[in-house]
ModelCIF file with pLDDT and N, C-alpha, C, O atoms, coordinates in Angstrom:
data_MODEL
#
_entry.id   MODEL 
#
_entity.id                         1 
_entity.type                       polymer 
_entity.pdbx_number_of_molecules   1 
#
_entity_poly.entity_id                      1 
_entity_poly.type                           'polypeptide(L)' 
_entity_poly.nstd_linkage                   no 
_entity_poly.nstd_monomer                   no 
_entity_poly.pdbx_seq_one_letter_code       ACTASGHTFHYTIAWFRQSPGKGREFVSGISERSTNILYTDSVKGRFT 
_entity_poly.pdbx_seq_one_letter_code_can   ACTASGHTFHYTIAWFRQSPGKGREFVSGISERSTNILYTDSVKGRFT 
_entity_poly.pdbx_strand_id                 A 
#
loop_
_entity_poly_seq.entity_id 
_entity_poly_seq.num 
_entity_poly_seq.mon_id 
_entity_poly_seq.hetero 
1 1  ALA n 
1 2  CYS n 
1 3  THR n 
1 4  ALA n 
1 5  SER n 
1 6  GLY n 
1 7  HIS n 
1 8  THR n 
1 9  PHE n 
1 10 HIS n 
1 11 TYR n 
1 12 THR n 
1 13 ILE n 
1 14 ALA n 
1 15 TRP n 
1 16 PHE n 
1 17 ARG n 
1 18 GLN n 
1 19 SER n 
1 20 PRO n 
1 21 GLY n 
1 22 LYS n 
1 23 GLY n 
1 24 ARG n 
1 25 GLU n 
1 26 PHE n 
1 27 VAL n 
1 28 SER n 
1 29 GLY n 
1 30 ILE n 
1 31 SER n 
1 32 GLU n 
1 33 ARG n 
1 34 SER n 
1 35 THR n 
1 36 ASN n 
1 37 ILE n 
1 38 LEU n 
1 39 TYR n 
1 40 THR n 
1 41 ASP n 
1 42 SER n 
1 43 VAL n 
1 44 LYS n 
1 45 GLY n 
1 46 ARG n 
1 47 PHE n 
1 48 THR n 
#
_struct_asym.id          A 
_struct_asym.entity_id   1 
#
loop_
_ma_qa_metric.id 
_ma_qa_metric.mode 
_ma_qa_metric.name 
_ma_qa_metric.software_group_id 
_ma_qa_metric.type 
1 global pLDDT . pLDDT 
2 local  pLDDT . pLDDT 
#
_ma_qa_metric_global.metric_id      1 
_ma_qa_metric_global.metric_value   92.67 
_ma_qa_metric_global.model_id       1 
_ma_qa_metric_global.ordinal_id     1 
#
loop_
_ma_qa_metric_local.label_asym_id 
_ma_qa_metric_local.label_comp_id 
_ma_qa_metric_local.label_seq_id 
_ma_qa_metric_local.metric_id 
_ma_qa_metric_local.metric_value 
_ma_qa_metric_local.model_id 
_ma_qa_metric_local.ordinal_id 
A ALA 1  2 98.00 1 1  
A CYS 2  2 97.00 1 2  
A THR 3  2 95.00 1 3  
A ALA 4  2 93.00 1 4  
A SER 5  2 92.00 1 5  
A GLY 6  2 88.00 1 6  
A HIS 7  2 78.00 1 7  
A THR 8  2 71.00 1 8  
A PHE 9  2 68.00 1 9  
A HIS 10 2 79.00 1 10 
A TYR 11 2 89.00 1 11 
A THR 12 2 94.00 1 12 
A ILE 13 2 96.00 1 13 
A ALA 14 2 98.00 1 14 
A TRP 15 2 98.00 1 15 
A PHE 16 2 98.00 1 16 
A ARG 17 2 98.00 1 17 
A GLN 18 2 97.00 1 18 
A SER 19 2 94.00 1 19 
A PRO 20 2 87.00 1 20 
A GLY 21 2 79.00 1 21 
A LYS 22 2 83.00 1 22 
A GLY 23 2 84.00 1 23 
A ARG 24 2 92.00 1 24 
A GLU 25 2 97.00 1 25 
A PHE 26 2 98.00 1 26 
A VAL 27 2 98.00 1 27 
A SER 28 2 98.00 1 28 
A GLY 29 2 98.00 1 29 
A ILE 30 2 96.00 1 30 
A SER 31 2 94.00 1 31 
A GLU 32 2 88.00 1 32 
A ARG 33 2 88.00 1 33 
A SER 34 2 90.00 1 34 
A THR 35 2 91.00 1 35 
A ASN 36 2 94.00 1 36 
A ILE 37 2 96.00 1 37 
A LEU 38 2 97.00 1 38 
A TYR 39 2 98.00 1 39 
A THR 40 2 98.00 1 40 
A ASP 41 2 98.00 1 41 
A SER 42 2 97.00 1 42 
A VAL 43 2 98.00 1 43 
A LYS 44 2 98.00 1 44 
A GLY 45 2 98.00 1 45 
A ARG 46 2 98.00 1 46 
A PHE 47 2 98.00 1 47 
A THR 48 2 98.00 1 48 
#
loop_
_atom_site.group_PDB 
_atom_site.id 
_atom_site.type_symbol 
_atom_site.label_atom_id 
_atom_site.label_alt_id 
_atom_site.label_comp_id 
_atom_site.label_asym_id 
_atom_site.label_entity_id 
_atom_site.label_seq_id 
_atom_site.pdbx_PDB_ins_code 
_atom_site.Cartn_x 
_atom_site.Cartn_y 
_atom_site.Cartn_z 
_atom_site.occupancy 
_atom_site.B_iso_or_equiv 
_atom_site.pdbx_formal_charge 
_atom_site.auth_seq_id 
_atom_site.auth_comp_id 
_atom_site.auth_asym_id 
_atom_site.auth_atom_id 
_atom_site.pdbx_PDB_model_num 
ATOM 1   N N  . ALA A 1 1  ? -22.603 6.537  -1.105 1.00 98.00 ? 1  ALA A N  1 
ATOM 2   C CA . ALA A 1 1  ? -22.502 6.508  -0.013 1.00 98.00 ? 1  ALA A CA 1 
ATOM 3   C C  . ALA A 1 1  ? -22.797 7.360  1.188  1.00 98.00 ? 1  ALA A C  1 
ATOM 4   O O  . ALA A 1 1  ? -22.607 8.556  0.967  1.00 98.00 ? 1  ALA A O  1 
ATOM 5   N N  . CYS A 1 2  ? -23.254 7.038  2.521  1.00 97.00 ? 2  CYS A N  1 
ATOM 6   C CA . CYS A 1 2  ? -23.608 7.610  3.460  1.00 97.00 ? 2  CYS A CA 1 
ATOM 7   C C  . CYS A 1 2  ? -22.186 7.479  4.479  1.00 97.00 ? 2  CYS A C  1 
ATOM 8   O O  . CYS A 1 2  ? -21.654 6.443  4.878  1.00 97.00 ? 2  CYS A O  1 
ATOM 9   N N  . THR A 1 3  ? -21.744 9.057  4.768  1.00 95.00 ? 3  THR A N  1 
ATOM 10  C CA . THR A 1 3  ? -20.575 8.767  5.629  1.00 95.00 ? 3  THR A CA 1 
ATOM 11  C C  . THR A 1 3  ? -21.203 9.516  7.293  1.00 95.00 ? 3  THR A C  1 
ATOM 12  O O  . THR A 1 3  ? -21.766 10.607 7.198  1.00 95.00 ? 3  THR A O  1 
ATOM 13  N N  . ALA A 1 4  ? -21.116 9.116  8.186  1.00 93.00 ? 4  ALA A N  1 
ATOM 14  C CA . ALA A 1 4  ? -21.476 9.628  9.529  1.00 93.00 ? 4  ALA A CA 1 
ATOM 15  C C  . ALA A 1 4  ? -20.189 9.845  10.397 1.00 93.00 ? 4  ALA A C  1 
ATOM 16  O O  . ALA A 1 4  ? -19.150 9.185  10.396 1.00 93.00 ? 4  ALA A O  1 
ATOM 17  N N  . SER A 1 5  ? -20.508 10.865 11.085 1.00 92.00 ? 5  SER A N  1 
ATOM 18  C CA . SER A 1 5  ? -19.601 11.777 12.030 1.00 92.00 ? 5  SER A CA 1 
ATOM 19  C C  . SER A 1 5  ? -20.483 11.442 13.025 1.00 92.00 ? 5  SER A C  1 
ATOM 20  O O  . SER A 1 5  ? -21.614 10.963 13.106 1.00 92.00 ? 5  SER A O  1 
ATOM 21  N N  . GLY A 1 6  ? -19.445 11.922 13.907 1.00 88.00 ? 6  GLY A N  1 
ATOM 22  C CA . GLY A 1 6  ? -19.964 12.435 15.733 1.00 88.00 ? 6  GLY A CA 1 
ATOM 23  C C  . GLY A 1 6  ? -19.900 10.899 16.449 1.00 88.00 ? 6  GLY A C  1 
ATOM 24  O O  . GLY A 1 6  ? -18.912 10.170 16.548 1.00 88.00 ? 6  GLY A O  1 
ATOM 25  N N  . HIS A 1 7  ? -21.434 10.625 16.965 1.00 78.00 ? 7  HIS A N  1 
ATOM 26  C CA . HIS A 1 7  ? -21.329 9.311  17.772 1.00 78.00 ? 7  HIS A CA 1 
ATOM 27  C C  . HIS A 1 7  ? -22.348 8.321  16.829 1.00 78.00 ? 7  HIS A C  1 
ATOM 28  O O  . HIS A 1 7  ? -23.503 8.524  16.454 1.00 78.00 ? 7  HIS A O  1 
ATOM 29  N N  . THR A 1 8  ? -21.530 7.284  16.627 1.00 71.00 ? 8  THR A N  1 
ATOM 30  C CA . THR A 1 8  ? -21.735 6.612  15.255 1.00 71.00 ? 8  THR A CA 1 
ATOM 31  C C  . THR A 1 8  ? -22.114 5.039  15.660 1.00 71.00 ? 8  THR A C  1 
ATOM 32  O O  . THR A 1 8  ? -22.556 4.186  14.890 1.00 71.00 ? 8  THR A O  1 
ATOM 33  N N  . PHE A 1 9  ? -21.748 4.852  17.431 1.00 68.00 ? 9  PHE A N  1 
ATOM 34  C CA . PHE A 1 9  ? -21.586 3.264  17.715 1.00 68.00 ? 9  PHE A CA 1 
ATOM 35  C C  . PHE A 1 9  ? -23.488 2.984  17.448 1.00 68.00 ? 9  PHE A C  1 
ATOM 36  O O  . PHE A 1 9  ? -24.360 3.828  17.239 1.00 68.00 ? 9  PHE A O  1 
ATOM 37  N N  . HIS A 1 10 ? -23.580 1.751  17.545 1.00 79.00 ? 10 HIS A N  1 
ATOM 38  C CA . HIS A 1 10 ? -25.092 1.212  17.553 1.00 79.00 ? 10 HIS A CA 1 
ATOM 39  C C  . HIS A 1 10 ? -26.476 1.773  16.925 1.00 79.00 ? 10 HIS A C  1 
ATOM 40  O O  . HIS A 1 10 ? -27.665 1.526  17.128 1.00 79.00 ? 10 HIS A O  1 
ATOM 41  N N  . TYR A 1 11 ? -25.692 2.729  15.985 1.00 89.00 ? 11 TYR A N  1 
ATOM 42  C CA . TYR A 1 11 ? -26.874 3.122  14.879 1.00 89.00 ? 11 TYR A CA 1 
ATOM 43  C C  . TYR A 1 11 ? -27.360 2.362  13.627 1.00 89.00 ? 11 TYR A C  1 
ATOM 44  O O  . TYR A 1 11 ? -26.468 2.032  12.845 1.00 89.00 ? 11 TYR A O  1 
ATOM 45  N N  . THR A 1 12 ? -28.763 1.993  13.273 1.00 94.00 ? 12 THR A N  1 
ATOM 46  C CA . THR A 1 12 ? -29.313 1.432  12.214 1.00 94.00 ? 12 THR A CA 1 
ATOM 47  C C  . THR A 1 12 ? -29.535 2.730  11.804 1.00 94.00 ? 12 THR A C  1 
ATOM 48  O O  . THR A 1 12 ? -30.003 3.720  12.366 1.00 94.00 ? 12 THR A O  1 
ATOM 49  N N  . ILE A 1 13 ? -28.896 2.411  10.201 1.00 96.00 ? 13 ILE A N  1 
ATOM 50  C CA . ILE A 1 13 ? -28.814 3.444  8.796  1.00 96.00 ? 13 ILE A CA 1 
ATOM 51  C C  . ILE A 1 13 ? -29.754 2.530  7.969  1.00 96.00 ? 13 ILE A C  1 
ATOM 52  O O  . ILE A 1 13 ? -29.836 1.313  7.802  1.00 96.00 ? 13 ILE A O  1 
ATOM 53  N N  . ALA A 1 14 ? -30.484 3.702  7.483  1.00 98.00 ? 14 ALA A N  1 
ATOM 54  C CA . ALA A 1 14 ? -31.640 3.509  6.593  1.00 98.00 ? 14 ALA A CA 1 
ATOM 55  C C  . ALA A 1 14 ? -31.471 4.489  5.332  1.00 98.00 ? 14 ALA A C  1 
ATOM 56  O O  . ALA A 1 14 ? -31.179 5.675  5.480  1.00 98.00 ? 14 ALA A O  1 
ATOM 57  N N  . TRP A 1 15 ? -31.732 3.738  3.752  1.00 98.00 ? 15 TRP A N  1 
ATOM 58  C CA . TRP A 1 15 ? -31.714 4.854  2.702  1.00 98.00 ? 15 TRP A CA 1 
ATOM 59  C C  . TRP A 1 15 ? -33.340 5.198  2.629  1.00 98.00 ? 15 TRP A C  1 
ATOM 60  O O  . TRP A 1 15 ? -33.947 4.258  3.141  1.00 98.00 ? 15 TRP A O  1 
ATOM 61  N N  . PHE A 1 16 ? -34.297 6.298  2.134  1.00 98.00 ? 16 PHE A N  1 
ATOM 62  C CA . PHE A 1 16 ? -35.520 6.567  1.720  1.00 98.00 ? 16 PHE A CA 1 
ATOM 63  C C  . PHE A 1 16 ? -35.460 7.308  0.535  1.00 98.00 ? 16 PHE A C  1 
ATOM 64  O O  . PHE A 1 16 ? -34.547 8.128  0.433  1.00 98.00 ? 16 PHE A O  1 
ATOM 65  N N  . ARG A 1 17 ? -35.879 7.238  0.057  1.00 98.00 ? 17 ARG A N  1 
ATOM 66  C CA . ARG A 1 17 ? -35.874 8.270  -1.424 1.00 98.00 ? 17 ARG A CA 1 
ATOM 67  C C  . ARG A 1 17 ? -37.427 9.091  -1.210 1.00 98.00 ? 17 ARG A C  1 
ATOM 68  O O  . ARG A 1 17 ? -38.463 8.879  -0.581 1.00 98.00 ? 17 ARG A O  1 
ATOM 69  N N  . GLN A 1 18 ? -36.959 10.010 -2.020 1.00 97.00 ? 18 GLN A N  1 
ATOM 70  C CA . GLN A 1 18 ? -38.319 10.896 -2.579 1.00 97.00 ? 18 GLN A CA 1 
ATOM 71  C C  . GLN A 1 18 ? -38.567 11.332 -3.624 1.00 97.00 ? 18 GLN A C  1 
ATOM 72  O O  . GLN A 1 18 ? -37.687 12.169 -3.824 1.00 97.00 ? 18 GLN A O  1 
ATOM 73  N N  . SER A 1 19 ? -39.626 11.293 -4.971 1.00 94.00 ? 19 SER A N  1 
ATOM 74  C CA . SER A 1 19 ? -39.459 11.923 -5.742 1.00 94.00 ? 19 SER A CA 1 
ATOM 75  C C  . SER A 1 19 ? -41.212 12.756 -5.828 1.00 94.00 ? 19 SER A C  1 
ATOM 76  O O  . SER A 1 19 ? -42.233 12.494 -5.193 1.00 94.00 ? 19 SER A O  1 
ATOM 77  N N  . PRO A 1 20 ? -41.007 13.544 -6.631 1.00 87.00 ? 20 PRO A N  1 
ATOM 78  C CA . PRO A 1 20 ? -42.779 14.519 -6.634 1.00 87.00 ? 20 PRO A CA 1 
ATOM 79  C C  . PRO A 1 20 ? -43.982 13.626 -6.756 1.00 87.00 ? 20 PRO A C  1 
ATOM 80  O O  . PRO A 1 20 ? -45.051 14.069 -6.335 1.00 87.00 ? 20 PRO A O  1 
ATOM 81  N N  . GLY A 1 21 ? -43.935 12.357 -7.310 1.00 79.00 ? 21 GLY A N  1 
ATOM 82  C CA . GLY A 1 21 ? -44.967 11.815 -7.563 1.00 79.00 ? 21 GLY A CA 1 
ATOM 83  C C  . GLY A 1 21 ? -45.511 10.777 -6.833 1.00 79.00 ? 21 GLY A C  1 
ATOM 84  O O  . GLY A 1 21 ? -46.608 10.229 -6.946 1.00 79.00 ? 21 GLY A O  1 
ATOM 85  N N  . LYS A 1 22 ? -44.202 10.496 -5.736 1.00 83.00 ? 22 LYS A N  1 
ATOM 86  C CA . LYS A 1 22 ? -44.342 9.366  -5.165 1.00 83.00 ? 22 LYS A CA 1 
ATOM 87  C C  . LYS A 1 22 ? -44.112 9.542  -3.434 1.00 83.00 ? 22 LYS A C  1 
ATOM 88  O O  . LYS A 1 22 ? -44.203 8.634  -2.608 1.00 83.00 ? 22 LYS A O  1 
ATOM 89  N N  . GLY A 1 23 ? -43.859 10.677 -3.225 1.00 84.00 ? 23 GLY A N  1 
ATOM 90  C CA . GLY A 1 23 ? -42.931 11.050 -1.673 1.00 84.00 ? 23 GLY A CA 1 
ATOM 91  C C  . GLY A 1 23 ? -42.373 9.822  -1.208 1.00 84.00 ? 23 GLY A C  1 
ATOM 92  O O  . GLY A 1 23 ? -42.227 8.723  -1.743 1.00 84.00 ? 23 GLY A O  1 
ATOM 93  N N  . ARG A 1 24 ? -42.032 10.381 0.177  1.00 92.00 ? 24 ARG A N  1 
ATOM 94  C CA . ARG A 1 24 ? -41.192 9.606  0.633  1.00 92.00 ? 24 ARG A CA 1 
ATOM 95  C C  . ARG A 1 24 ? -41.404 8.210  0.588  1.00 92.00 ? 24 ARG A C  1 
ATOM 96  O O  . ARG A 1 24 ? -42.583 7.888  0.443  1.00 92.00 ? 24 ARG A O  1 
ATOM 97  N N  . GLU A 1 25 ? -40.309 6.996  0.700  1.00 97.00 ? 25 GLU A N  1 
ATOM 98  C CA . GLU A 1 25 ? -40.326 5.582  0.585  1.00 97.00 ? 25 GLU A CA 1 
ATOM 99  C C  . GLU A 1 25 ? -39.437 5.147  1.437  1.00 97.00 ? 25 GLU A C  1 
ATOM 100 O O  . GLU A 1 25 ? -38.526 5.961  1.589  1.00 97.00 ? 25 GLU A O  1 
ATOM 101 N N  . PHE A 1 26 ? -39.322 4.098  2.115  1.00 98.00 ? 26 PHE A N  1 
ATOM 102 C CA . PHE A 1 26 ? -37.877 3.329  2.580  1.00 98.00 ? 26 PHE A CA 1 
ATOM 103 C C  . PHE A 1 26 ? -37.628 2.830  1.735  1.00 98.00 ? 26 PHE A C  1 
ATOM 104 O O  . PHE A 1 26 ? -38.633 2.707  1.034  1.00 98.00 ? 26 PHE A O  1 
ATOM 105 N N  . VAL A 1 27 ? -36.437 2.227  1.126  1.00 98.00 ? 27 VAL A N  1 
ATOM 106 C CA . VAL A 1 27 ? -35.755 1.587  0.128  1.00 98.00 ? 27 VAL A CA 1 
ATOM 107 C C  . VAL A 1 27 ? -34.720 0.633  0.816  1.00 98.00 ? 27 VAL A C  1 
ATOM 108 O O  . VAL A 1 27 ? -34.679 -0.409 0.163  1.00 98.00 ? 27 VAL A O  1 
ATOM 109 N N  . SER A 1 28 ? -33.601 0.583  2.227  1.00 98.00 ? 28 SER A N  1 
ATOM 110 C CA . SER A 1 28 ? -33.276 -0.240 2.416  1.00 98.00 ? 28 SER A CA 1 
ATOM 111 C C  . SER A 1 28 ? -32.573 0.141  4.120  1.00 98.00 ? 28 SER A C  1 
ATOM 112 O O  . SER A 1 28 ? -32.631 1.295  4.546  1.00 98.00 ? 28 SER A O  1 
ATOM 113 N N  . GLY A 1 29 ? -32.139 -0.635 4.689  1.00 98.00 ? 29 GLY A N  1 
ATOM 114 C CA . GLY A 1 29 ? -31.693 -0.582 6.172  1.00 98.00 ? 29 GLY A CA 1 
ATOM 115 C C  . GLY A 1 29 ? -30.782 -1.640 6.398  1.00 98.00 ? 29 GLY A C  1 
ATOM 116 O O  . GLY A 1 29 ? -30.750 -2.754 5.875  1.00 98.00 ? 29 GLY A O  1 
ATOM 117 N N  . ILE A 1 30 ? -29.960 -1.072 7.352  1.00 96.00 ? 30 ILE A N  1 
ATOM 118 C CA . ILE A 1 30 ? -29.202 -2.272 7.631  1.00 96.00 ? 30 ILE A CA 1 
ATOM 119 C C  . ILE A 1 30 ? -28.568 -1.564 9.271  1.00 96.00 ? 30 ILE A C  1 
ATOM 120 O O  . ILE A 1 30 ? -27.970 -0.513 9.500  1.00 96.00 ? 30 ILE A O  1 
ATOM 121 N N  . SER A 1 31 ? -28.940 -2.475 10.015 1.00 94.00 ? 31 SER A N  1 
ATOM 122 C CA . SER A 1 31 ? -28.367 -2.716 11.772 1.00 94.00 ? 31 SER A CA 1 
ATOM 123 C C  . SER A 1 31 ? -27.055 -2.789 11.991 1.00 94.00 ? 31 SER A C  1 
ATOM 124 O O  . SER A 1 31 ? -26.132 -3.180 11.277 1.00 94.00 ? 31 SER A O  1 
ATOM 125 N N  . GLU A 1 32 ? -27.099 -2.318 13.186 1.00 88.00 ? 32 GLU A N  1 
ATOM 126 C CA . GLU A 1 32 ? -25.529 -2.215 13.407 1.00 88.00 ? 32 GLU A CA 1 
ATOM 127 C C  . GLU A 1 32 ? -24.344 -3.099 13.036 1.00 88.00 ? 32 GLU A C  1 
ATOM 128 O O  . GLU A 1 32 ? -23.306 -2.905 12.403 1.00 88.00 ? 32 GLU A O  1 
ATOM 129 N N  . ARG A 1 33 ? -24.893 -4.164 13.678 1.00 88.00 ? 33 ARG A N  1 
ATOM 130 C CA . ARG A 1 33 ? -24.004 -5.683 13.022 1.00 88.00 ? 33 ARG A CA 1 
ATOM 131 C C  . ARG A 1 33 ? -24.081 -6.106 11.721 1.00 88.00 ? 33 ARG A C  1 
ATOM 132 O O  . ARG A 1 33 ? -23.132 -6.709 11.221 1.00 88.00 ? 33 ARG A O  1 
ATOM 133 N N  . SER A 1 34 ? -25.101 -5.870 11.092 1.00 90.00 ? 34 SER A N  1 
ATOM 134 C CA . SER A 1 34 ? -25.498 -6.193 9.362  1.00 90.00 ? 34 SER A CA 1 
ATOM 135 C C  . SER A 1 34 ? -26.447 -7.440 9.634  1.00 90.00 ? 34 SER A C  1 
ATOM 136 O O  . SER A 1 34 ? -26.764 -8.130 8.666  1.00 90.00 ? 34 SER A O  1 
ATOM 137 N N  . THR A 1 35 ? -26.834 -7.707 10.679 1.00 91.00 ? 35 THR A N  1 
ATOM 138 C CA . THR A 1 35 ? -27.244 -9.063 11.230 1.00 91.00 ? 35 THR A CA 1 
ATOM 139 C C  . THR A 1 35 ? -29.101 -8.824 10.809 1.00 91.00 ? 35 THR A C  1 
ATOM 140 O O  . THR A 1 35 ? -29.790 -9.839 10.713 1.00 91.00 ? 35 THR A O  1 
ATOM 141 N N  . ASN A 1 36 ? -29.715 -7.501 10.602 1.00 94.00 ? 36 ASN A N  1 
ATOM 142 C CA . ASN A 1 36 ? -31.128 -6.926 10.192 1.00 94.00 ? 36 ASN A CA 1 
ATOM 143 C C  . ASN A 1 36 ? -30.634 -6.289 8.801  1.00 94.00 ? 36 ASN A C  1 
ATOM 144 O O  . ASN A 1 36 ? -29.797 -5.388 8.845  1.00 94.00 ? 36 ASN A O  1 
ATOM 145 N N  . ILE A 1 37 ? -31.166 -6.767 7.488  1.00 96.00 ? 37 ILE A N  1 
ATOM 146 C CA . ILE A 1 37 ? -31.329 -6.203 6.938  1.00 96.00 ? 37 ILE A CA 1 
ATOM 147 C C  . ILE A 1 37 ? -32.519 -6.211 5.442  1.00 96.00 ? 37 ILE A C  1 
ATOM 148 O O  . ILE A 1 37 ? -32.655 -7.192 4.712  1.00 96.00 ? 37 ILE A O  1 
ATOM 149 N N  . LEU A 1 38 ? -33.039 -5.284 5.319  1.00 97.00 ? 38 LEU A N  1 
ATOM 150 C CA . LEU A 1 38 ? -34.407 -5.475 4.771  1.00 97.00 ? 38 LEU A CA 1 
ATOM 151 C C  . LEU A 1 38 ? -34.421 -4.322 3.487  1.00 97.00 ? 38 LEU A C  1 
ATOM 152 O O  . LEU A 1 38 ? -33.832 -3.245 3.583  1.00 97.00 ? 38 LEU A O  1 
ATOM 153 N N  . TYR A 1 39 ? -35.030 -4.651 2.536  1.00 98.00 ? 39 TYR A N  1 
ATOM 154 C CA . TYR A 1 39 ? -35.287 -4.177 1.352  1.00 98.00 ? 39 TYR A CA 1 
ATOM 155 C C  . TYR A 1 39 ? -36.587 -4.172 0.514  1.00 98.00 ? 39 TYR A C  1 
ATOM 156 O O  . TYR A 1 39 ? -37.105 -5.215 0.114  1.00 98.00 ? 39 TYR A O  1 
ATOM 157 N N  . THR A 1 40 ? -37.228 -2.575 0.202  1.00 98.00 ? 40 THR A N  1 
ATOM 158 C CA . THR A 1 40 ? -38.369 -2.343 -0.560 1.00 98.00 ? 40 THR A CA 1 
ATOM 159 C C  . THR A 1 40 ? -38.077 -3.417 -1.117 1.00 98.00 ? 40 THR A C  1 
ATOM 160 O O  . THR A 1 40 ? -36.992 -3.941 -1.368 1.00 98.00 ? 40 THR A O  1 
ATOM 161 N N  . ASP A 1 41 ? -40.008 -3.971 -1.451 1.00 98.00 ? 41 ASP A N  1 
ATOM 162 C CA . ASP A 1 41 ? -39.572 -4.965 -3.151 1.00 98.00 ? 41 ASP A CA 1 
ATOM 163 C C  . ASP A 1 41 ? -39.236 -4.213 -4.088 1.00 98.00 ? 41 ASP A C  1 
ATOM 164 O O  . ASP A 1 41 ? -38.287 -4.791 -4.616 1.00 98.00 ? 41 ASP A O  1 
ATOM 165 N N  . SER A 1 42 ? -39.430 -3.277 -4.622 1.00 97.00 ? 42 SER A N  1 
ATOM 166 C CA . SER A 1 42 ? -39.413 -2.704 -5.635 1.00 97.00 ? 42 SER A CA 1 
ATOM 167 C C  . SER A 1 42 ? -37.831 -2.676 -6.206 1.00 97.00 ? 42 SER A C  1 
ATOM 168 O O  . SER A 1 42 ? -37.616 -2.257 -7.343 1.00 97.00 ? 42 SER A O  1 
ATOM 169 N N  . VAL A 1 43 ? -36.907 -3.076 -5.476 1.00 98.00 ? 43 VAL A N  1 
ATOM 170 C CA . VAL A 1 43 ? -35.794 -3.162 -5.490 1.00 98.00 ? 43 VAL A CA 1 
ATOM 171 C C  . VAL A 1 43 ? -34.743 -4.172 -5.070 1.00 98.00 ? 43 VAL A C  1 
ATOM 172 O O  . VAL A 1 43 ? -33.513 -4.142 -5.077 1.00 98.00 ? 43 VAL A O  1 
ATOM 173 N N  . LYS A 1 44 ? -35.654 -5.089 -4.695 1.00 98.00 ? 44 LYS A N  1 
ATOM 174 C CA . LYS A 1 44 ? -34.677 -6.465 -3.997 1.00 98.00 ? 44 LYS A CA 1 
ATOM 175 C C  . LYS A 1 44 ? -34.207 -7.229 -5.687 1.00 98.00 ? 44 LYS A C  1 
ATOM 176 O O  . LYS A 1 44 ? -34.719 -7.187 -6.806 1.00 98.00 ? 44 LYS A O  1 
ATOM 177 N N  . GLY A 1 45 ? -33.101 -7.825 -5.159 1.00 98.00 ? 45 GLY A N  1 
ATOM 178 C CA . GLY A 1 45 ? -32.514 -8.229 -6.693 1.00 98.00 ? 45 GLY A CA 1 
ATOM 179 C C  . GLY A 1 45 ? -31.540 -7.276 -7.288 1.00 98.00 ? 45 GLY A C  1 
ATOM 180 O O  . GLY A 1 45 ? -30.610 -7.760 -7.932 1.00 98.00 ? 45 GLY A O  1 
ATOM 181 N N  . ARG A 1 46 ? -31.629 -5.951 -7.155 1.00 98.00 ? 46 ARG A N  1 
ATOM 182 C CA . ARG A 1 46 ? -31.023 -4.715 -7.669 1.00 98.00 ? 46 ARG A CA 1 
ATOM 183 C C  . ARG A 1 46 ? -30.006 -4.166 -6.938 1.00 98.00 ? 46 ARG A C  1 
ATOM 184 O O  . ARG A 1 46 ? -28.824 -4.154 -7.285 1.00 98.00 ? 46 ARG A O  1 
ATOM 185 N N  . PHE A 1 47 ? -30.609 -3.559 -5.588 1.00 98.00 ? 47 PHE A N  1 
ATOM 186 C CA . PHE A 1 47 ? -29.962 -2.895 -5.033 1.00 98.00 ? 47 PHE A CA 1 
ATOM 187 C C  . PHE A 1 47 ? -29.368 -3.606 -3.679 1.00 98.00 ? 47 PHE A C  1 
ATOM 188 O O  . PHE A 1 47 ? -30.154 -4.286 -3.020 1.00 98.00 ? 47 PHE A O  1 
ATOM 189 N N  . THR A 1 48 ? -27.884 -3.462 -3.198 1.00 98.00 ? 48 THR A N  1 
ATOM 190 C CA . THR A 1 48 ? -27.242 -4.110 -2.277 1.00 98.00 ? 48 THR A CA 1 
ATOM 191 C C  . THR A 1 48 ? -26.884 -3.534 -0.828 1.00 98.00 ? 48 THR A C  1 
ATOM 192 O O  . THR A 1 48 ? -26.268 -4.230 -0.021 1.00 98.00 ? 48 THR A O  1 
#
């Protein structure tokens, strides 16, 4: 879970991950109204 505080209107939220071997990579993102949702290929079908 990612909980936001402060000014939260109209923000797009994304998840990134970082490991020592692979560096930082995009995992998933969601637009303010959930009309645009993206996943990296390696997590499609497993992450929501």
